[in-house]
C-alpha atoms as a PDB file:
ATOM      1  CA  MET A   1       0.000   0.000   0.000  1.00  0.00           C
ATOM      2  CA  ASP A   2       1.177   3.472  -0.712  1.00  0.00           C
ATOM      3  CA  ALA A   3       2.385   5.145   2.432  1.00  0.00           C
ATOM      4  CA  TYR A   4       1.185   8.502   1.244  1.00  0.00           C
ATOM      5  CA  ASP A   5      -2.219   7.307   0.274  1.00  0.00           C
ATOM      6  CA  LYS A   6      -4.741   9.653   1.747  1.00  0.00           C
ATOM      7  CA  GLY A   7      -7.193   6.972   2.165  1.00  0.00           C
ATOM      8  CA  SER A   8      -5.042   4.899   4.360  1.00  0.00           C
ATOM      9  CA  ASP A   9      -5.374   4.858   8.224  1.00  0.00           C
ATOM     10  CA  ALA A  10      -1.733   5.773   8.813  1.00  0.00           C
ATOM     11  CA  ARG A  11      -1.121   8.946  10.946  1.00  0.00           C
ATOM     12  CA  GLN A  12       0.508  11.926   9.412  1.00  0.00           C
ATOM     13  CA  GLY A  13       3.800  13.289  10.860  1.00  0.00           C
ATOM     14  CA  GLN A  14       3.672  16.192  13.451  1.00  0.00           C
ATOM     15  CA  VAL A  15       5.519  19.436  13.113  1.00  0.00           C
ATOM     16  CA  GLY A  16       8.038  19.574  16.000  1.00  0.00           C
ATOM     17  CA  PRO A  17      11.489  20.590  16.872  1.00  0.00           C
ATOM     18  CA  ALA A  18      12.937  17.960  14.654  1.00  0.00           C
ATOM     19  CA  GLY A  19      11.500  19.691  11.624  1.00  0.00           C
ATOM     20  CA  PRO A  20       8.282  19.858   9.758  1.00  0.00           C
ATOM     21  CA  ALA A  21       8.427  16.236   9.127  1.00  0.00           C
ATOM     22  CA  GLY A  22       9.888  14.768  12.257  1.00  0.00           C
ATOM     23  CA  PRO A  23       9.981  11.077  12.937  1.00  0.00           C
ATOM     24  CA  ASP A  24       6.843   9.444  14.078  1.00  0.00           C
ATOM     25  CA  LEU A  25       6.707   8.634  17.795  1.00  0.00           C
ATOM     26  CA  PRO A  26       4.331   6.558  19.705  1.00  0.00           C
ATOM     27  CA  ASP A  27       1.490   8.330  21.497  1.00  0.00           C
ATOM     28  CA  GLY A  28       3.086   8.275  24.991  1.00  0.00           C
ATOM     29  CA  GLU A  29       6.465   9.336  23.760  1.00  0.00           C
ATOM     30  CA  ALA A  30       4.952  12.152  21.775  1.00  0.00           C
ATOM     31  CA  ASP A  31       3.247  13.570  24.853  1.00  0.00           C
ATOM     32  CA  THR A  32       6.481  13.372  26.748  1.00  0.00           C
ATOM     33  CA  ALA A  33       8.338  15.215  24.068  1.00  0.00           C
ATOM     34  CA  GLU A  34       5.717  17.938  24.003  1.00  0.00           C
ATOM     35  CA  THR A  35       6.021  18.410  27.810  1.00  0.00           C
ATOM     36  CA  THR A  36       9.818  18.515  28.135  1.00  0.00           C
ATOM     37  CA  ALA A  37      10.444  20.680  25.162  1.00  0.00           C
ATOM     38  CA  PRO A  38       9.556  23.975  26.870  1.00  0.00           C
ATOM     39  CA  GLU A  39      11.768  23.104  29.874  1.00  0.00           C
ATOM     40  CA  ALA A  40      14.655  22.615  27.584  1.00  0.00           C
ATOM     41  CA  ASP A  41      13.893  25.926  26.010  1.00  0.00           C
ATOM     42  CA  GLY A  42      13.813  27.648  29.484  1.00  0.00           C
ATOM     43  CA  ALA A  43      17.279  26.505  30.525  1.00  0.00           C
ATOM     44  CA  PRO A  44      19.083  28.992  28.316  1.00  0.00           C
ATOM     45  CA  GLU A  45      16.799  31.705  29.631  1.00  0.00           C
ATOM     46  CA  ALA A  46      17.750  30.954  33.332  1.00  0.00           C
ATOM     47  CA  ALA A  47      21.416  30.990  32.502  1.00  0.00           C
ATOM     48  CA  GLY A  48      20.972  34.296  30.777  1.00  0.00           C
ATOM     49  CA  ALA A  49      19.229  35.741  33.890  1.00  0.00           C
ATOM     50  CA  ARG A  50      22.076  34.689  36.140  1.00  0.00           C
ATOM     51  CA  GLU A  51      24.580  36.272  33.794  1.00  0.00           C
ATOM     52  CA  ALA A  52      22.543  39.490  33.772  1.00  0.00           C
ATOM     53  CA  ALA A  53      22.531  39.532  37.633  1.00  0.00           C
ATOM     54  CA  ASP A  54      26.267  39.032  37.734  1.00  0.00           C
ATOM     55  CA  VAL A  55      26.827  41.919  35.366  1.00  0.00           C
ATOM     56  CA  PRO A  56      25.391  44.645  37.752  1.00  0.00           C
ATOM     57  CA  GLU A  57      27.469  43.280  40.657  1.00  0.00           C
ATOM     58  CA  VAL A  58      30.622  43.556  38.609  1.00  0.00           C
ATOM     59  CA  ALA A  59      29.555  46.996  37.454  1.00  0.00           C
ATOM     60  CA  GLY A  60      28.921  48.120  41.098  1.00  0.00           C
ATOM     61  CA  ALA A  61      32.318  46.921  42.186  1.00  0.00           C
ATOM     62  CA  ALA A  62      33.869  48.822  39.363  1.00  0.00           C
ATOM     63  CA  GLU A  63      31.931  51.953  40.348  1.00  0.00           C
ATOM     64  CA  MET A  64      33.124  51.670  43.994  1.00  0.00           C
ATOM     65  CA  ALA A  65      36.691  51.251  42.894  1.00  0.00           C
ATOM     66  CA  GLY A  66      36.270  54.208  40.638  1.00  0.00           C
ATOM     67  CA  GLY A  67      34.842  56.266  43.539  1.00  0.00           C
ATOM     68  CA  ARG A  68      37.850  55.516  45.714  1.00  0.00           C
ATOM     69  CA  GLU A  69      40.164  56.458  42.925  1.00  0.00           C
ATOM     70  CA  ALA A  70      38.236  59.685  42.417  1.00  0.00           C
ATOM     71  CA  ALA A  71      38.464  60.479  46.167  1.00  0.00           C
ATOM     72  CA  ASP A  72      42.184  59.884  46.108  1.00  0.00           C
ATOM     73  CA  VAL A  73      42.472  62.128  43.075  1.00  0.00           C
ATOM     74  CA  SER A  74      40.437  64.892  44.751  1.00  0.00           C
ATOM     75  CA  GLU A  75      42.627  64.760  47.888  1.00  0.00           C
ATOM     76  CA  ALA A  76      45.723  64.918  45.741  1.00  0.00           C
ATOM     77  CA  ALA A  77      44.220  67.892  43.911  1.00  0.00           C
ATOM     78  CA  GLY A  78      43.691  69.831  47.179  1.00  0.00           C
ATOM     79  CA  ALA A  79      39.929  69.386  47.595  1.00  0.00           C
ATOM     80  CA  PRO A  80      38.509  70.887  50.857  1.00  0.00           C
ATOM     81  CA  GLU A  81      38.617  68.499  53.788  1.00  0.00           C
ATOM     82  CA  ALA A  82      35.634  67.615  55.974  1.00  0.00           C
ATOM     83  CA  VAL A  83      34.992  69.767  59.060  1.00  0.00           C
ATOM     84  CA  GLY A  84      36.733  68.353  62.145  1.00  0.00           C
ATOM     85  CA  ALA A  85      38.932  65.975  60.194  1.00  0.00           C
ATOM     86  CA  VAL A  86      42.418  65.512  61.667  1.00  0.00           C
ATOM     87  CA  ARG A  87      45.015  65.423  58.974  1.00  0.00           C
ATOM     88  CA  PRO A  88      48.207  63.594  60.002  1.00  0.00           C
ATOM     89  CA  ALA A  89      51.411  65.518  59.751  1.00  0.00           C
ATOM     90  CA  PRO A  90      53.689  64.544  56.908  1.00  0.00           C
ATOM     91  CA  PRO A  91      56.404  62.153  57.926  1.00  0.00           C
ATOM     92  CA  GLY A  92      59.583  63.829  59.113  1.00  0.00           C
ATOM     93  CA  THR A  93      57.849  67.063  60.252  1.00  0.00           C
ATOM     94  CA  ALA A  94      58.823  68.265  63.821  1.00  0.00           C
ATOM     95  CA  GLN A  95      55.924  68.766  66.279  1.00  0.00           C
ATOM     96  CA  PRO A  96      55.643  72.243  67.951  1.00  0.00           C
ATOM     97  CA  PRO A  97      56.661  72.263  71.668  1.00  0.00           C
ATOM     98  CA  ALA A  98      53.868  72.265  74.295  1.00  0.00           C
ATOM     99  CA  PRO A  99      53.256  75.638  76.058  1.00  0.00           C
ATOM    100  CA  ARG A 100      54.900  76.033  79.478  1.00  0.00           C
ATOM    101  CA  THR A 101      52.750  76.500  82.565  1.00  0.00           C
ATOM    102  CA  GLY A 102      53.285  77.406  86.236  1.00  0.00           C
ATOM    103  CA  VAL A 103      56.700  78.532  87.393  1.00  0.00           C
ATOM    104  CA  ALA A 104      58.258  77.237  84.173  1.00  0.00           C
ATOM    105  CA  ALA A 105      56.354  79.920  82.242  1.00  0.00           C
ATOM    106  CA  LEU A 106      58.146  82.713  84.163  1.00  0.00           C
ATOM    107  CA  SER A 107      61.327  84.353  83.067  1.00  0.00           C
ATOM    108  CA  PRO A 108      64.552  83.171  84.730  1.00  0.00           C
ATOM    109  CA  ARG A 109      64.686  86.271  86.948  1.00  0.00           C
ATOM    110  CA  TYR A 110      61.197  85.670  88.321  1.00  0.00           C
ATOM    111  CA  GLN A 111      61.913  81.977  88.724  1.00  0.00           C
ATOM    112  CA  VAL A 112      64.859  82.825  90.978  1.00  0.00           C
ATOM    113  CA  GLY A 113      62.634  85.211  92.967  1.00  0.00           C
ATOM    114  CA  ALA A 114      59.962  82.531  93.422  1.00  0.00           C
ATOM    115  CA  VAL A 115      62.537  80.022  94.647  1.00  0.00           C
ATOM    116  CA  VAL A 116      63.996  82.527  97.137  1.00  0.00           C
ATOM    117  CA  ALA A 117      60.509  83.445  98.452  1.00  0.00           C
ATOM    118  CA  LEU A 118      59.624  79.786  98.866  1.00  0.00           C
ATOM    119  CA  ALA A 119      62.851  79.141 100.753  1.00  0.00           C
ATOM    120  CA  VAL A 120      62.205  82.095 103.113  1.00  0.00           C
ATOM    121  CA  VAL A 121      58.674  80.878 103.853  1.00  0.00           C
ATOM    122  CA  ALA A 122      59.931  77.338 104.506  1.00  0.00           C
ATOM    123  CA  VAL A 123      62.604  78.593 106.928  1.00  0.00           C
ATOM    124  CA  ALA A 124      60.056  80.787 108.772  1.00  0.00           C
ATOM    125  CA  VAL A 125      57.590  77.904 109.112  1.00  0.00           C
ATOM    126  CA  CYS A 126      60.295  75.562 110.412  1.00  0.00           C
ATOM    127  CA  ALA A 127      61.491  78.176 112.926  1.00  0.00           C
ATOM    128  CA  HIS A 128      57.938  78.764 114.180  1.00  0.00           C
ATOM    129  CA  ILE A 129      57.237  75.053 114.577  1.00  0.00           C
ATOM    130  CA  GLY A 130      60.531  74.616 116.406  1.00  0.00           C
ATOM    131  CA  ALA A 131      59.800  77.500 118.816  1.00  0.00           C
ATOM    132  CA  VAL A 132      56.333  76.171 119.629  1.00  0.00           C
ATOM    133  CA  PHE A 133      57.778  72.685 120.136  1.00  0.00           C
ATOM    134  CA  LEU A 134      60.381  73.984 122.581  1.00  0.00           C
ATOM    135  CA  HIS A 135      57.675  75.945 124.387  1.00  0.00           C
ATOM    136  CA  LEU A 136      55.587  72.807 124.893  1.00  0.00           C
ATOM    137  CA  ALA A 137      58.450  70.397 125.506  1.00  0.00           C
ATOM    138  CA  PRO A 138      59.714  69.586 128.999  1.00  0.00           C
ATOM    139  CA  SER A 139      62.622  71.555 130.341  1.00  0.00           C
ATOM    140  CA  ASN A 140      65.840  70.715 128.512  1.00  0.00           C
ATOM    141  CA  THR A 141      69.179  72.230 127.564  1.00  0.00           C
ATOM    142  CA  LEU A 142      67.791  74.288 124.694  1.00  0.00           C
ATOM    143  CA  THR A 143      64.933  75.769 126.709  1.00  0.00           C
ATOM    144  CA  LYS A 144      67.313  76.652 129.537  1.00  0.00           C
ATOM    145  CA  GLN A 145      69.665  78.490 127.187  1.00  0.00           C
ATOM    146  CA  HIS A 146      67.136  80.041 124.786  1.00  0.00           C
ATOM    147  CA  GLY A 147      63.933  80.075 126.852  1.00  0.00           C
ATOM    148  CA  ASP A 148      63.676  83.882 126.781  1.00  0.00           C
ATOM    149  CA  VAL A 149      63.838  83.963 122.977  1.00  0.00           C
ATOM    150  CA  VAL A 150      61.198  81.242 122.709  1.00  0.00           C
ATOM    151  CA  ASP A 151      58.874  83.057 125.141  1.00  0.00           C
ATOM    152  CA  GLU A 152      59.258  86.338 123.261  1.00  0.00           C
ATOM    153  CA  TRP A 153      58.175  84.616 120.062  1.00  0.00           C
ATOM    154  CA  VAL A 154      55.341  82.527 121.521  1.00  0.00           C
ATOM    155  CA  PHE A 155      53.727  85.047 123.889  1.00  0.00           C
ATOM    156  CA  PRO A 156      51.054  86.222 123.595  1.00  0.00           C
ATOM    157  CA  GLU A 157      49.794  85.261 120.113  1.00  0.00           C
ATOM    158  CA  PHE A 158      50.954  81.635 119.977  1.00  0.00           C
ATOM    159  CA  GLU A 159      50.621  80.555 123.584  1.00  0.00           C
ATOM    160  CA  GLN A 160      49.618  76.937 124.142  1.00  0.00           C
ATOM    161  CA  ASN A 161      48.023  75.661 127.328  1.00  0.00           C
ATOM    162  CA  TRP A 162      45.693  72.999 128.684  1.00  0.00           C
ATOM    163  CA  LYS A 163      42.936  75.222 130.071  1.00  0.00           C
ATOM    164  CA  LEU A 164      40.346  74.002 127.597  1.00  0.00           C
ATOM    165  CA  PHE A 165      41.205  70.289 127.597  1.00  0.00           C
ATOM    166  CA  ALA A 166      42.512  67.768 130.094  1.00  0.00           C
ATOM    167  CA  PRO A 167      44.411  67.443 132.368  1.00  0.00           C
ATOM    168  CA  ASN A 168      43.408  70.781 134.007  1.00  0.00           C
ATOM    169  CA  PRO A 169      40.325  72.352 132.395  1.00  0.00           C
ATOM    170  CA  LEU A 170      39.063  75.549 133.979  1.00  0.00           C
ATOM    171  CA  GLN A 171      36.272  74.789 136.461  1.00  0.00           C
ATOM    172  CA  GLN A 172      35.607  78.250 137.863  1.00  0.00           C
ATOM    173  CA  ASN A 173      33.662  81.343 136.904  1.00  0.00           C
ATOM    174  CA  VAL A 174      35.778  84.466 137.404  1.00  0.00           C
ATOM    175  CA  SER A 175      34.154  87.892 137.413  1.00  0.00           C
ATOM    176  CA  VAL A 176      36.524  90.875 137.176  1.00  0.00           C
ATOM    177  CA  GLN A 177      35.251  94.226 138.493  1.00  0.00           C
ATOM    178  CA  VAL A 178      36.761  97.696 138.756  1.00  0.00           C
ATOM    179  CA  ARG A 179      35.955 101.009 140.389  1.00  0.00           C
ATOM    180  CA  ALA A 180      37.617 104.430 140.286  1.00  0.00           C
ATOM    181  CA  GLU A 181      38.343 107.567 142.289  1.00  0.00           C
ATOM    182  CA  VAL A 182      37.349 110.538 140.171  1.00  0.00           C
ATOM    183  CA  SER A 183      38.384 114.152 140.497  1.00  0.00           C
ATOM    184  CA  THR A 184      35.355 116.195 139.446  1.00  0.00           C
ATOM    185  CA  ALA A 185      35.393 119.545 137.654  1.00  0.00           C
ATOM    186  CA  GLY A 186      34.660 121.281 140.975  1.00  0.00           C
ATOM    187  CA  GLY A 187      37.761 119.783 142.583  1.00  0.00           C
ATOM    188  CA  GLU A 188      35.958 117.133 144.623  1.00  0.00           C
ATOM    189  CA  ILE A 189      36.970 113.470 144.884  1.00  0.00           C
ATOM    190  CA  ARG A 190      34.317 110.826 144.553  1.00  0.00           C
ATOM    191  CA  THR A 191      34.416 107.038 144.310  1.00  0.00           C
ATOM    192  CA  THR A 192      32.355 105.256 141.696  1.00  0.00           C
ATOM    193  CA  GLY A 193      30.551 101.982 142.136  1.00  0.00           C
ATOM    194  CA  TRP A 194      31.874  98.657 140.955  1.00  0.00           C
ATOM    195  CA  TYR A 195      31.720  98.070 137.199  1.00  0.00           C
ATOM    196  CA  ASP A 196      31.438  94.388 136.303  1.00  0.00           C
ATOM    197  CA  LEU A 197      33.693  94.238 133.239  1.00  0.00           C
ATOM    198  CA  SER A 198      33.221  90.476 132.789  1.00  0.00           C
ATOM    199  CA  ALA A 199      29.451  90.909 132.684  1.00  0.00           C
ATOM    200  CA  GLU A 200      29.828  93.597 130.011  1.00  0.00           C
ATOM    201  CA  ASP A 201      31.868  91.221 127.862  1.00  0.00           C
ATOM    202  CA  GLY A 202      29.324  88.469 128.433  1.00  0.00           C
ATOM    203  CA  ARG A 203      26.452  90.684 127.271  1.00  0.00           C
ATOM    204  CA  ALA A 204      28.443  91.634 124.162  1.00  0.00           C
ATOM    205  CA  ILE A 205      29.112  87.966 123.322  1.00  0.00           C
ATOM    206  CA  ASP A 206      25.643  86.607 124.120  1.00  0.00           C
ATOM    207  CA  GLY A 207      23.673  86.143 120.896  1.00  0.00           C
ATOM    208  CA  ASN A 208      26.561  87.377 118.739  1.00  0.00           C
ATOM    209  CA  PRO A 209      27.534  84.730 116.145  1.00  0.00           C
ATOM    210  CA  LEU A 210      30.886  86.438 115.462  1.00  0.00           C
ATOM    211  CA  PRO A 211      32.145  88.063 118.674  1.00  0.00           C
ATOM    212  CA  SER A 212      35.421  89.931 118.558  1.00  0.00           C
ATOM    213  CA  HIS A 213      38.642  88.641 120.050  1.00  0.00           C
ATOM    214  CA  THR A 214      38.694  91.645 122.406  1.00  0.00           C
ATOM    215  CA  GLN A 215      35.299  90.792 123.859  1.00  0.00           C
ATOM    216  CA  GLN A 216      36.230  87.166 124.367  1.00  0.00           C
ATOM    217  CA  ASN A 217      39.820  87.204 125.580  1.00  0.00           C
ATOM    218  CA  GLU A 218      41.256  90.656 126.351  1.00  0.00           C
ATOM    219  CA  LEU A 219      40.098  90.974 129.972  1.00  0.00           C
ATOM    220  CA  ARG A 220      40.337  87.266 130.741  1.00  0.00           C
ATOM    221  CA  ARG A 221      43.884  86.940 129.453  1.00  0.00           C
ATOM    222  CA  ALA A 222      44.955  90.146 131.204  1.00  0.00           C
ATOM    223  CA  TRP A 223      43.670  88.861 134.539  1.00  0.00           C
ATOM    224  CA  ASP A 224      45.308  85.445 134.057  1.00  0.00           C
ATOM    225  CA  PHE A 225      48.540  87.252 133.197  1.00  0.00           C
ATOM    226  CA  PHE A 226      48.328  89.270 136.426  1.00  0.00           C
ATOM    227  CA  VAL A 227      47.568  86.251 138.648  1.00  0.00           C
ATOM    228  CA  ALA A 228      50.424  84.220 137.152  1.00  0.00           C
ATOM    229  CA  SER A 229      52.980  87.024 137.656  1.00  0.00           C
ATOM    230  CA  HIS A 230      52.087  88.035 141.276  1.00  0.00           C
ATOM    231  CA  ASP A 231      52.459  86.287 144.604  1.00  0.00           C
ATOM    232  CA  SER A 232      49.763  85.719 147.218  1.00  0.00           C
ATOM    233  CA  ASP A 233      50.328  89.254 148.605  1.00  0.00           C
ATOM    234  CA  ASP A 234      49.707  90.818 145.167  1.00  0.00           C
ATOM    235  CA  ARG A 235      53.348  91.791 144.734  1.00  0.00           C
ATOM    236  CA  PRO A 236      54.754  91.609 141.203  1.00  0.00           C
ATOM    237  CA  VAL A 237      57.285  88.899 140.409  1.00  0.00           C
ATOM    238  CA  GLY A 238      59.836  90.265 137.968  1.00  0.00           C
ATOM    239  CA  LEU A 239      59.279  92.500 135.006  1.00  0.00           C
ATOM    240  CA  ARG A 240      56.263  90.542 133.789  1.00  0.00           C
ATOM    241  CA  GLY A 241      54.391  91.395 136.987  1.00  0.00           C
ATOM    242  CA  THR A 242      54.903  95.131 136.491  1.00  0.00           C
ATOM    243  CA  LEU A 243      53.896  94.821 132.857  1.00  0.00           C
ATOM    244  CA  SER A 244      50.673  93.023 133.822  1.00  0.00           C
ATOM    245  CA  GLU A 245      49.726  95.870 136.198  1.00  0.00           C
ATOM    246  CA  SER A 246      50.190  98.467 133.475  1.00  0.00           C
ATOM    247  CA  TYR A 247      48.109  96.344 131.112  1.00  0.00           C
ATOM    248  CA  LEU A 248      45.225  96.103 133.610  1.00  0.00           C
ATOM    249  CA  ARG A 249      45.329  99.823 134.390  1.00  0.00           C
ATOM    250  CA  ARG A 250      45.085 100.650 130.717  1.00  0.00           C
ATOM    251  CA  ILE A 251      42.109  98.309 130.238  1.00  0.00           C
ATOM    252  CA  ALA A 252      40.353  99.875 133.239  1.00  0.00           C
ATOM    253  CA  LEU A 253      40.793 103.393 131.851  1.00  0.00           C
ATOM    254  CA  LEU A 254      39.451 102.427 128.434  1.00  0.00           C
ATOM    255  CA  ARG A 255      36.393 100.692 129.900  1.00  0.00           C
ATOM    256  CA  LEU A 256      35.634 103.474 132.415  1.00  0.00           C
ATOM    257  CA  ASP A 257      35.985 106.116 129.734  1.00  0.00           C
ATOM    258  CA  ARG A 258      33.595 104.166 127.489  1.00  0.00           C
ATOM    259  CA  ASP A 259      31.055 103.937 130.323  1.00  0.00           C
ATOM    260  CA  GLY A 260      31.434 107.633 131.194  1.00  0.00           C
ATOM    261  CA  ALA A 261      32.401 106.925 134.793  1.00  0.00           C
ATOM    262  CA  ALA A 262      34.294 110.197 135.302  1.00  0.00           C
ATOM    263  CA  GLY A 263      31.402 112.352 134.181  1.00  0.00           C
ATOM    264  CA  PRO A 264      31.645 115.783 132.468  1.00  0.00           C
ATOM    265  CA  GLY A 265      34.993 117.386 133.253  1.00  0.00           C
ATOM    266  CA  GLY A 266      36.038 114.577 135.607  1.00  0.00           C
ATOM    267  CA  VAL A 267      39.401 112.811 135.706  1.00  0.00           C
ATOM    268  CA  VAL A 268      40.094 109.276 136.883  1.00  0.00           C
ATOM    269  CA  GLU A 269      42.841 109.467 139.494  1.00  0.00           C
ATOM    270  CA  ARG A 270      43.009 105.878 140.773  1.00  0.00           C
ATOM    271  CA  VAL A 271      41.488 102.506 139.978  1.00  0.00           C
ATOM    272  CA  GLN A 272      40.965  99.360 142.007  1.00  0.00           C
ATOM    273  CA  TYR A 273      40.319  95.838 140.816  1.00  0.00           C
ATOM    274  CA  ARG A 274      38.657  92.911 142.505  1.00  0.00           C
ATOM    275  CA  SER A 275      37.719  89.443 141.353  1.00  0.00           C
ATOM    276  CA  ARG A 276      34.863  87.198 142.388  1.00  0.00           C
ATOM    277  CA  THR A 277      35.549  83.504 141.808  1.00  0.00           C
ATOM    278  CA  THR A 278      32.841  80.848 142.023  1.00  0.00           C
ATOM    279  CA  ASN A 279      33.309  77.126 141.514  1.00  0.00           C
ATOM    280  CA  VAL A 280      31.351  75.446 138.740  1.00  0.00           C
ATOM    281  CA  GLU A 281      28.903  72.978 140.193  1.00  0.00           C
ATOM    282  CA  PRO A 282      29.913  69.403 139.255  1.00  0.00           C
ATOM    283  CA  PRO A 283      27.389  67.008 137.660  1.00  0.00           C
ATOM    284  CA  PRO A 284      25.263  64.931 140.071  1.00  0.00           C
ATOM    285  CA  TRP A 285      26.744  61.613 138.945  1.00  0.00           C
ATOM    286  CA  SER A 286      30.335  62.624 139.780  1.00  0.00           C
ATOM    287  CA  GLY A 287      29.888  62.616 143.564  1.00  0.00           C
ATOM    288  CA  GLU A 288      32.372  65.519 143.848  1.00  0.00           C
ATOM    289  CA  LYS A 289      31.720  68.128 146.523  1.00  0.00           C
ATOM    290  CA  VAL A 290      32.900  71.725 146.054  1.00  0.00           C
ATOM    291  CA  SER A 291      32.242  74.934 147.954  1.00  0.00           C
ATOM    292  CA  ASP A 292      29.562  77.188 146.542  1.00  0.00           C
ATOM    293  CA  ARG A 293      30.794  80.271 148.416  1.00  0.00           C
ATOM    294  CA  PRO A 294      32.483  82.859 146.156  1.00  0.00           C
ATOM    295  CA  THR A 295      36.088  83.905 146.779  1.00  0.00           C
ATOM    296  CA  VAL A 296      36.781  87.632 146.554  1.00  0.00           C
ATOM    297  CA  ARG A 297      40.239  89.014 145.804  1.00  0.00           C
ATOM    298  CA  GLU A 298      40.591  92.781 146.131  1.00  0.00           C
ATOM    299  CA  LEU A 299      43.693  94.545 144.845  1.00  0.00           C
ATOM    300  CA  PRO A 300      45.154  97.786 146.199  1.00  0.00           C
ATOM    301  CA  TRP A 301      44.472 101.155 144.595  1.00  0.00           C
ATOM    302  CA  TRP A 302      46.633 102.005 141.581  1.00  0.00           C
ATOM    303  CA  SER A 303      47.389 105.551 140.532  1.00  0.00           C
ATOM    304  CA  VAL A 304      46.696 106.150 136.838  1.00  0.00           C
ATOM    305  CA  SER A 305      47.533 109.815 136.437  1.00  0.00           C
ATOM    306  CA  ALA A 306      50.169 109.053 133.805  1.00  0.00           C
ATOM    307  CA  GLU A 307      47.844 106.807 131.784  1.00  0.00           C
ATOM    308  CA  THR A 308      44.990 109.378 131.673  1.00  0.00           C
ATOM    309  CA  ARG A 309      46.895 111.514 129.189  1.00  0.00           C
ATOM    310  CA  GLY A 310      45.738 109.326 126.304  1.00  0.00           C
ATOM    311  CA  THR A 311      42.004 109.243 127.171  1.00  0.00           C
ATOM    312  CA  LYS A 312      39.310 111.715 126.229  1.00  0.00           C
ATOM    313  CA  SER A 313      38.104 112.119 129.802  1.00  0.00           C
ATOM    314  CA  GLY A 314      41.631 112.733 131.014  1.00  0.00           C
ATOM    315  CA  GLN A 315      42.259 115.428 128.417  1.00  0.00           C
ATOM    316  CA  ALA A 316      38.911 117.103 129.130  1.00  0.00           C
ATOM    317  CA  GLY A 317      39.472 116.992 132.888  1.00  0.00           C
ATOM    318  CA  GLN A 318      42.990 118.340 132.566  1.00  0.00           C
ATOM    319  CA  ALA A 319      41.704 121.262 130.451  1.00  0.00           C
ATOM    320  CA  ALA A 320      38.910 121.970 132.964  1.00  0.00           C
ATOM    321  CA  ARG A 321      41.306 122.042 135.922  1.00  0.00           C
ATOM    322  CA  GLU A 322      43.716 124.318 134.093  1.00  0.00           C
ATOM    323  CA  GLY A 323      40.821 126.650 133.308  1.00  0.00           C
ATOM    324  CA  SER A 324      39.602 126.738 136.907  1.00  0.00           C
ATOM    325  CA  ALA A 325      43.135 127.382 138.182  1.00  0.00           C
ATOM    326  CA  ALA A 326      43.479 130.336 135.817  1.00  0.00           C
END
């Protein structure tokens, strides 16, 4: 039979990848060929996509490299640097010296002056500490030979004692009082009452957050100075005893003049001191018994005619007496 006979039952060839007249395949194999053919066609397409993705990555890397090269070129060309950027110094360039401070910044002449001043201060501090140490130390060879020099330096500003702390704190209240004999403008002599100088200082200190050194210590230290430099009969012991009397007379004149004790035209001729000492009552738990009776110490009258020359009342009284005599 003719293979190309139209009337025959033979199947005609299908147009496929093999050509318009590809070989005849069985029915199952033909279906399989039709299914796998597109997949085979898609493989070149996937490979082409991957190649296209790789191309931008390579291009980006090239752009980055080109950017770095451009930055290097701009720096070499003197492009402006970013604000705050620290540019390293070229190799081999010497760094500027750091600025000098303190004494090193002074000129040599002033440096020598600073060293000399520091040495003088150090010597003065060492001498002061040594004098105070010898004053507090027990009696020894140095204090026996140079005790007068040490006392002149220490007294009265730098005196050290144990009257505030143990072993012998002060346990008494001492009230210092003074009175005066006044020559009036009419030529009469009158005696004033007792002025409690310690009470005046106490009233000035009470309620005052910053009391003066005079209000706190002038009278107290003067009286302690007098007691320590006089015997039991109120006779001065050495030059310090006479000096303490002059100091107390001067304090009395200043206080009496401030209180107006002499009156108009009056002159203070003599002064007299007395002290009233009372023991501080011990606490109940101590069991100590002390006397509660005050002890009074009354000093003799002291003439102050020479000291009145520096006071206002003394000058006024002297002028009034000269006028009455004329």
